[in-house]
C-alpha atoms as a PDB file:
ATOM      1  CA  UNK A   1      19.911   6.284  15.504  1.00  0.00           C
ATOM      2  CA  UNK A   2      20.453   4.913  12.010  1.00  0.00           C
ATOM      3  CA  UNK A   3      18.983   5.579   8.584  1.00  0.00           C
ATOM      4  CA  UNK A   4      17.393   3.033   6.277  1.00  0.00           C
ATOM      5  CA  UNK A   5      19.868   1.341   3.962  1.00  0.00           C
ATOM      6  CA  UNK A   6      17.412  -0.593   1.761  1.00  0.00           C
ATOM      7  CA  UNK A   7      13.779  -0.421   0.678  1.00  0.00           C
ATOM      8  CA  UNK A   8      11.453  -2.142   3.146  1.00  0.00           C
ATOM      9  CA  UNK A   9       7.888  -3.433   3.358  1.00  0.00           C
ATOM     10  CA  UNK A  10       5.639  -0.436   4.075  1.00  0.00           C
ATOM     11  CA  UNK A  11       4.026  -0.548   7.510  1.00  0.00           C
ATOM     12  CA  UNK A  12       0.941   1.321   6.332  1.00  0.00           C
ATOM     13  CA  UNK A  13      -0.686   2.692   3.209  1.00  0.00           C
ATOM     14  CA  UNK A  14       0.289   6.353   3.315  1.00  0.00           C
ATOM     15  CA  UNK A  15      -1.288   9.020   1.164  1.00  0.00           C
ATOM     16  CA  UNK A  16       1.618   8.854  -1.293  1.00  0.00           C
ATOM     17  CA  UNK A  17       1.455   5.069  -1.466  1.00  0.00           C
ATOM     18  CA  UNK A  18      -2.300   5.216  -2.012  1.00  0.00           C
ATOM     19  CA  UNK A  19      -1.675   7.510  -5.004  1.00  0.00           C
ATOM     20  CA  UNK A  20       0.803   5.038  -6.457  1.00  0.00           C
ATOM     21  CA  UNK A  21      -1.664   2.175  -5.972  1.00  0.00           C
ATOM     22  CA  UNK A  22      -4.494   4.168  -7.565  1.00  0.00           C
ATOM     23  CA  UNK A  23      -2.384   4.683 -10.662  1.00  0.00           C
ATOM     24  CA  UNK A  24      -1.600   0.978 -10.944  1.00  0.00           C
ATOM     25  CA  UNK A  25      -4.925  -0.602  -9.974  1.00  0.00           C
ATOM     26  CA  UNK A  26      -7.730   1.899  -9.398  1.00  0.00           C
ATOM     27  CA  UNK A  27     -10.188   0.821  -6.732  1.00  0.00           C
ATOM     28  CA  UNK A  28      -8.021  -2.062  -5.470  1.00  0.00           C
ATOM     29  CA  UNK A  29      -6.591  -2.136  -1.932  1.00  0.00           C
ATOM     30  CA  UNK A  30      -3.157  -3.616  -1.178  1.00  0.00           C
ATOM     31  CA  UNK A  31      -2.902  -6.495   1.273  1.00  0.00           C
ATOM     32  CA  UNK A  32      -0.116  -8.069   3.296  1.00  0.00           C
ATOM     33  CA  UNK A  33       1.031 -11.463   2.052  1.00  0.00           C
ATOM     34  CA  UNK A  34       3.184 -13.828   4.097  1.00  0.00           C
ATOM     35  CA  UNK A  35       6.480 -14.931   2.508  1.00  0.00           C
ATOM     36  CA  UNK A  36       7.097 -18.682   2.596  1.00  0.00           C
ATOM     37  CA  UNK A  37       9.855 -19.213   0.037  1.00  0.00           C
ATOM     38  CA  UNK A  38      10.339 -22.539  -1.691  1.00  0.00           C
ATOM     39  CA  UNK A  39      13.536 -23.939  -0.198  1.00  0.00           C
ATOM     40  CA  UNK A  40      16.496 -23.990  -2.592  1.00  0.00           C
ATOM     41  CA  UNK A  41      14.678 -22.020  -5.273  1.00  0.00           C
ATOM     42  CA  UNK A  42      16.349 -19.049  -7.011  1.00  0.00           C
ATOM     43  CA  UNK A  43      15.608 -15.567  -5.729  1.00  0.00           C
ATOM     44  CA  UNK A  44      13.054 -13.318  -7.415  1.00  0.00           C
ATOM     45  CA  UNK A  45      11.680 -15.928  -9.843  1.00  0.00           C
ATOM     46  CA  UNK A  46       8.073 -15.624  -8.747  1.00  0.00           C
ATOM     47  CA  UNK A  47       6.298 -16.638 -11.956  1.00  0.00           C
ATOM     48  CA  UNK A  48       7.759 -20.144 -12.476  1.00  0.00           C
ATOM     49  CA  UNK A  49       7.725 -20.768  -8.702  1.00  0.00           C
ATOM     50  CA  UNK A  50       4.037 -19.934  -8.428  1.00  0.00           C
ATOM     51  CA  UNK A  51       3.381 -22.278 -11.372  1.00  0.00           C
ATOM     52  CA  UNK A  52       5.351 -25.001  -9.575  1.00  0.00           C
ATOM     53  CA  UNK A  53       3.338 -24.540  -6.374  1.00  0.00           C
ATOM     54  CA  UNK A  54       0.077 -24.775  -8.340  1.00  0.00           C
ATOM     55  CA  UNK A  55       1.223 -27.908 -10.158  1.00  0.00           C
ATOM     56  CA  UNK A  56       2.042 -29.578  -6.848  1.00  0.00           C
ATOM     57  CA  UNK A  57      -0.725 -28.305  -4.587  1.00  0.00           C
ATOM     58  CA  UNK A  58      -3.405 -26.714  -6.774  1.00  0.00           C
ATOM     59  CA  UNK A  59      -4.666 -23.170  -6.514  1.00  0.00           C
ATOM     60  CA  UNK A  60      -4.265 -20.235  -8.875  1.00  0.00           C
ATOM     61  CA  UNK A  61      -1.779 -17.441  -9.604  1.00  0.00           C
ATOM     62  CA  UNK A  62      -2.526 -13.852  -8.652  1.00  0.00           C
ATOM     63  CA  UNK A  63      -0.630 -11.147 -10.508  1.00  0.00           C
ATOM     64  CA  UNK A  64      -0.042  -7.695  -9.162  1.00  0.00           C
ATOM     65  CA  UNK A  65       2.595  -5.477  -7.623  1.00  0.00           C
ATOM     66  CA  UNK A  66       4.902  -5.941  -4.663  1.00  0.00           C
ATOM     67  CA  UNK A  67       5.220  -2.563  -2.942  1.00  0.00           C
ATOM     68  CA  UNK A  68       8.397  -1.239  -1.311  1.00  0.00           C
ATOM     69  CA  UNK A  69       9.606   2.025   0.155  1.00  0.00           C
ATOM     70  CA  UNK A  70      12.854   3.648   1.126  1.00  0.00           C
ATOM     71  CA  UNK A  71      11.314   5.977   3.715  1.00  0.00           C
ATOM     72  CA  UNK A  72      11.845   9.616   2.879  1.00  0.00           C
ATOM     73  CA  UNK A  73      13.239   8.872  -0.577  1.00  0.00           C
ATOM     74  CA  UNK A  74      11.031   6.777  -2.874  1.00  0.00           C
ATOM     75  CA  UNK A  75       8.365   4.115  -3.276  1.00  0.00           C
ATOM     76  CA  UNK A  76       8.548   1.301  -5.788  1.00  0.00           C
ATOM     77  CA  UNK A  77       6.148  -1.208  -7.312  1.00  0.00           C
ATOM     78  CA  UNK A  78       7.543  -4.483  -8.674  1.00  0.00           C
ATOM     79  CA  UNK A  79       5.492  -6.648 -11.051  1.00  0.00           C
ATOM     80  CA  UNK A  80       4.951  -9.825  -9.055  1.00  0.00           C
ATOM     81  CA  UNK A  81       2.971 -13.040  -8.694  1.00  0.00           C
ATOM     82  CA  UNK A  82       1.785 -14.753  -5.533  1.00  0.00           C
ATOM     83  CA  UNK A  83       0.170 -18.142  -5.002  1.00  0.00           C
ATOM     84  CA  UNK A  84      -3.505 -18.301  -4.126  1.00  0.00           C
ATOM     85  CA  UNK A  85      -3.915 -21.665  -2.392  1.00  0.00           C
ATOM     86  CA  UNK A  86      -6.984 -23.909  -2.865  1.00  0.00           C
ATOM     87  CA  UNK A  87      -8.192 -22.495   0.476  1.00  0.00           C
ATOM     88  CA  UNK A  88      -7.866 -18.946  -0.841  1.00  0.00           C
ATOM     89  CA  UNK A  89      -4.814 -17.950   1.209  1.00  0.00           C
ATOM     90  CA  UNK A  90      -2.192 -15.786  -0.491  1.00  0.00           C
ATOM     91  CA  UNK A  91       1.454 -16.864  -0.151  1.00  0.00           C
ATOM     92  CA  UNK A  92       4.606 -15.396  -1.670  1.00  0.00           C
ATOM     93  CA  UNK A  93       6.709 -18.448  -2.553  1.00  0.00           C
ATOM     94  CA  UNK A  94       9.658 -16.582  -4.130  1.00  0.00           C
ATOM     95  CA  UNK A  95      12.902 -16.274  -2.125  1.00  0.00           C
ATOM     96  CA  UNK A  96      14.292 -12.737  -1.743  1.00  0.00           C
ATOM     97  CA  UNK A  97      17.807 -11.330  -1.758  1.00  0.00           C
ATOM     98  CA  UNK A  98      17.199 -10.117   1.805  1.00  0.00           C
ATOM     99  CA  UNK A  99      15.097 -11.659   4.598  1.00  0.00           C
ATOM    100  CA  UNK A 100      11.450 -10.620   4.190  1.00  0.00           C
ATOM    101  CA  UNK A 101       8.648 -11.836   6.471  1.00  0.00           C
ATOM    102  CA  UNK A 102       5.769 -10.425   4.437  1.00  0.00           C
ATOM    103  CA  UNK A 103       5.194  -8.158   1.481  1.00  0.00           C
ATOM    104  CA  UNK A 104       2.572  -5.523   0.779  1.00  0.00           C
ATOM    105  CA  UNK A 105       0.887  -6.768  -2.398  1.00  0.00           C
ATOM    106  CA  UNK A 106      -1.416  -4.880  -4.742  1.00  0.00           C
ATOM    107  CA  UNK A 107      -3.511  -7.240  -6.899  1.00  0.00           C
ATOM    108  CA  UNK A 108      -3.625  -6.040 -10.493  1.00  0.00           C
ATOM    109  CA  UNK A 109      -6.505  -5.659 -12.857  1.00  0.00           C
ATOM    110  CA  UNK A 110      -6.318  -7.612 -16.125  1.00  0.00           C
ATOM    111  CA  UNK A 111      -2.581  -8.190 -15.746  1.00  0.00           C
ATOM    112  CA  UNK A 112      -1.000 -10.873 -17.929  1.00  0.00           C
ATOM    113  CA  UNK A 113       2.525 -12.261 -17.735  1.00  0.00           C
ATOM    114  CA  UNK A 114       3.810 -12.739 -21.286  1.00  0.00           C
ATOM    115  CA  UNK A 115       7.269 -13.961 -20.308  1.00  0.00           C
ATOM    116  CA  UNK A 116       8.772 -10.501 -20.604  1.00  0.00           C
ATOM    117  CA  UNK A 117      10.262  -8.507 -17.793  1.00  0.00           C
ATOM    118  CA  UNK A 118       8.267  -5.477 -16.669  1.00  0.00           C
ATOM    119  CA  UNK A 119      10.072  -2.377 -15.468  1.00  0.00           C
ATOM    120  CA  UNK A 120       9.471  -1.325 -11.871  1.00  0.00           C
ATOM    121  CA  UNK A 121       7.308   1.718 -11.256  1.00  0.00           C
ATOM    122  CA  UNK A 122       9.030   4.264  -9.013  1.00  0.00           C
ATOM    123  CA  UNK A 123       7.669   7.312  -7.218  1.00  0.00           C
ATOM    124  CA  UNK A 124       9.963   9.887  -5.596  1.00  0.00           C
ATOM    125  CA  UNK A 125       9.243  11.120  -2.086  1.00  0.00           C
ATOM    126  CA  UNK A 126      12.153  13.558  -2.190  1.00  0.00           C
ATOM    127  CA  UNK A 127      12.545  16.470  -4.586  1.00  0.00           C
ATOM    128  CA  UNK A 128      16.323  16.094  -4.582  1.00  0.00           C
ATOM    129  CA  UNK A 129      17.498  15.745  -8.222  1.00  0.00           C
ATOM    130  CA  UNK A 130      19.777  12.846  -7.315  1.00  0.00           C
ATOM    131  CA  UNK A 131      16.669  10.663  -6.875  1.00  0.00           C
ATOM    132  CA  UNK A 132      15.549  11.386 -10.436  1.00  0.00           C
ATOM    133  CA  UNK A 133      19.056  10.640 -11.718  1.00  0.00           C
ATOM    134  CA  UNK A 134      19.116   7.437  -9.664  1.00  0.00           C
ATOM    135  CA  UNK A 135      15.799   6.331 -11.203  1.00  0.00           C
ATOM    136  CA  UNK A 136      17.137   7.100 -14.683  1.00  0.00           C
ATOM    137  CA  UNK A 137      19.922   4.541 -14.287  1.00  0.00           C
ATOM    138  CA  UNK A 138      17.392   1.766 -13.658  1.00  0.00           C
ATOM    139  CA  UNK A 139      15.355   2.807 -16.696  1.00  0.00           C
ATOM    140  CA  UNK A 140      18.509   2.870 -18.817  1.00  0.00           C
ATOM    141  CA  UNK A 141      19.536  -0.597 -17.615  1.00  0.00           C
ATOM    142  CA  UNK A 142      16.059  -1.983 -18.261  1.00  0.00           C
ATOM    143  CA  UNK A 143      16.071  -0.540 -21.776  1.00  0.00           C
ATOM    144  CA  UNK A 144      19.480  -2.011 -22.547  1.00  0.00           C
ATOM    145  CA  UNK A 145      18.819  -5.489 -21.157  1.00  0.00           C
ATOM    146  CA  UNK A 146      15.430  -5.760 -22.851  1.00  0.00           C
ATOM    147  CA  UNK A 147      16.404  -4.352 -26.230  1.00  0.00           C
ATOM    148  CA  UNK A 148      15.190  -6.251 -29.311  1.00  0.00           C
ATOM    149  CA  UNK A 149      15.091 -10.044 -29.040  1.00  0.00           C
ATOM    150  CA  UNK A 150      16.451  -9.894 -25.484  1.00  0.00           C
ATOM    151  CA  UNK A 151      12.956  -8.919 -24.320  1.00  0.00           C
ATOM    152  CA  UNK A 152      12.010 -12.596 -24.658  1.00  0.00           C
ATOM    153  CA  UNK A 153      15.237 -14.074 -23.283  1.00  0.00           C
ATOM    154  CA  UNK A 154      15.641 -15.523 -19.809  1.00  0.00           C
ATOM    155  CA  UNK A 155      18.662 -16.356 -17.706  1.00  0.00           C
ATOM    156  CA  UNK A 156      22.063 -15.019 -18.678  1.00  0.00           C
ATOM    157  CA  UNK A 157      21.859 -12.262 -21.296  1.00  0.00           C
ATOM    158  CA  UNK A 158      24.464 -11.996 -24.044  1.00  0.00           C
ATOM    159  CA  UNK A 159      25.752  -8.486 -24.748  1.00  0.00           C
ATOM    160  CA  UNK A 160      28.125  -7.151 -27.354  1.00  0.00           C
ATOM    161  CA  UNK A 161      31.325  -5.544 -26.105  1.00  0.00           C
ATOM    162  CA  UNK A 162      29.909  -2.063 -26.607  1.00  0.00           C
ATOM    163  CA  UNK A 163      26.689  -3.008 -24.791  1.00  0.00           C
ATOM    164  CA  UNK A 164      28.651  -4.518 -21.923  1.00  0.00           C
ATOM    165  CA  UNK A 165      30.609  -1.276 -21.653  1.00  0.00           C
ATOM    166  CA  UNK A 166      27.359   0.687 -21.670  1.00  0.00           C
ATOM    167  CA  UNK A 167      25.911  -1.495 -18.902  1.00  0.00           C
ATOM    168  CA  UNK A 168      29.056  -1.030 -16.824  1.00  0.00           C
ATOM    169  CA  UNK A 169      28.821   2.721 -17.285  1.00  0.00           C
ATOM    170  CA  UNK A 170      25.155   2.732 -16.213  1.00  0.00           C
ATOM    171  CA  UNK A 171      25.855   0.733 -13.065  1.00  0.00           C
ATOM    172  CA  UNK A 172      28.923   2.808 -12.253  1.00  0.00           C
ATOM    173  CA  UNK A 173      26.851   5.981 -12.571  1.00  0.00           C
ATOM    174  CA  UNK A 174      24.180   4.498 -10.299  1.00  0.00           C
ATOM    175  CA  UNK A 175      26.790   3.711  -7.666  1.00  0.00           C
ATOM    176  CA  UNK A 176      27.750   7.385  -7.523  1.00  0.00           C
ATOM    177  CA  UNK A 177      24.188   8.292  -6.532  1.00  0.00           C
ATOM    178  CA  UNK A 178      23.749   5.629  -3.835  1.00  0.00           C
ATOM    179  CA  UNK A 179      25.467   7.590  -1.018  1.00  0.00           C
ATOM    180  CA  UNK A 180      23.457  10.695  -1.902  1.00  0.00           C
ATOM    181  CA  UNK A 181      20.202   8.739  -1.955  1.00  0.00           C
ATOM    182  CA  UNK A 182      20.913   7.036   1.364  1.00  0.00           C
ATOM    183  CA  UNK A 183      21.680  10.379   3.013  1.00  0.00           C
ATOM    184  CA  UNK A 184      18.103  11.373   2.179  1.00  0.00           C
ATOM    185  CA  UNK A 185      16.619   8.285   3.812  1.00  0.00           C
ATOM    186  CA  UNK A 186      14.599   8.714   6.984  1.00  0.00           C
ATOM    187  CA  UNK A 187      15.931   7.694  10.376  1.00  0.00           C
ATOM    188  CA  UNK A 188      14.562   4.479  11.858  1.00  0.00           C
ATOM    189  CA  UNK A 189      12.057   5.507  14.513  1.00  0.00           C
ATOM    190  CA  UNK A 190       9.347   4.011  16.671  1.00  0.00           C
ATOM    191  CA  UNK A 191       6.582   4.650  14.129  1.00  0.00           C
ATOM    192  CA  UNK A 192       8.482   3.923  10.918  1.00  0.00           C
ATOM    193  CA  UNK A 193       8.545   0.559   9.064  1.00  0.00           C
ATOM    194  CA  UNK A 194      10.684  -2.058  10.782  1.00  0.00           C
ATOM    195  CA  UNK A 195      13.852  -2.778   8.757  1.00  0.00           C
ATOM    196  CA  UNK A 196      13.246  -6.515   9.274  1.00  0.00           C
ATOM    197  CA  UNK A 197      10.560  -6.336   6.550  1.00  0.00           C
ATOM    198  CA  UNK A 198       7.765  -7.545   8.802  1.00  0.00           C
ATOM    199  CA  UNK A 199       5.420  -4.844   7.511  1.00  0.00           C
ATOM    200  CA  UNK A 200       4.960  -3.631  11.089  1.00  0.00           C
ATOM    201  CA  UNK A 201       6.083  -0.402  12.684  1.00  0.00           C
ATOM    202  CA  UNK A 202       9.276  -0.568  14.716  1.00  0.00           C
ATOM    203  CA  UNK A 203       7.471   0.046  18.037  1.00  0.00           C
ATOM    204  CA  UNK A 204       5.420  -3.136  17.610  1.00  0.00           C
ATOM    205  CA  UNK A 205       8.199  -5.252  16.112  1.00  0.00           C
ATOM    206  CA  UNK A 206      11.903  -5.144  17.022  1.00  0.00           C
ATOM    207  CA  UNK A 207      11.840  -1.826  18.866  1.00  0.00           C
ATOM    208  CA  UNK A 208      14.078   1.158  18.198  1.00  0.00           C
ATOM    209  CA  UNK A 209      17.090  -0.287  20.020  1.00  0.00           C
ATOM    210  CA  UNK A 210      17.094  -3.599  18.137  1.00  0.00           C
ATOM    211  CA  UNK A 211      16.074  -2.119  14.757  1.00  0.00           C
ATOM    212  CA  UNK A 212      18.718   0.586  14.764  1.00  0.00           C
END
């Protein structure tokens, strides 16, 4: 039996996930959205890709949060946009760094994309202090990369030598926490989220033997 190595699409809305959703968009229920990435497009560039899909096919953008979990360790909400087709179907057109069949998406209330990056919202499921320290490295990196005029910059970010050293130190520190965080992760079981990111439980997807 193996442990989870990466955050996955939640297979259900647990009590803890419901609390996270309530803090982000009170009264709104998350929904599963199929991922159909635009071929050849860059990964994780949802906003311009949704605009491109609308320009070509019509429809509207829907802003909200893509929800992820590393079972037993943390949950995470990523500011995200999906395409609402002219027929009203929701499609995630942004390629991912790992194969994802569908995401759990929480539509937002009164969200506006101003061109600036938005920090992920993270919620610990473990009381181990290494999780808090792990989160802190992401907050520190976000603060550094979005400092001053860089908040409005896109693409490759220019850093001074001292800032580049600081970024290296942040990422090096994060790497020291990764083994500790992964040791806290739950084991893949029949009723846990399938690691294939289908949004289904293992029992009704790949099965324990194939998933582990």
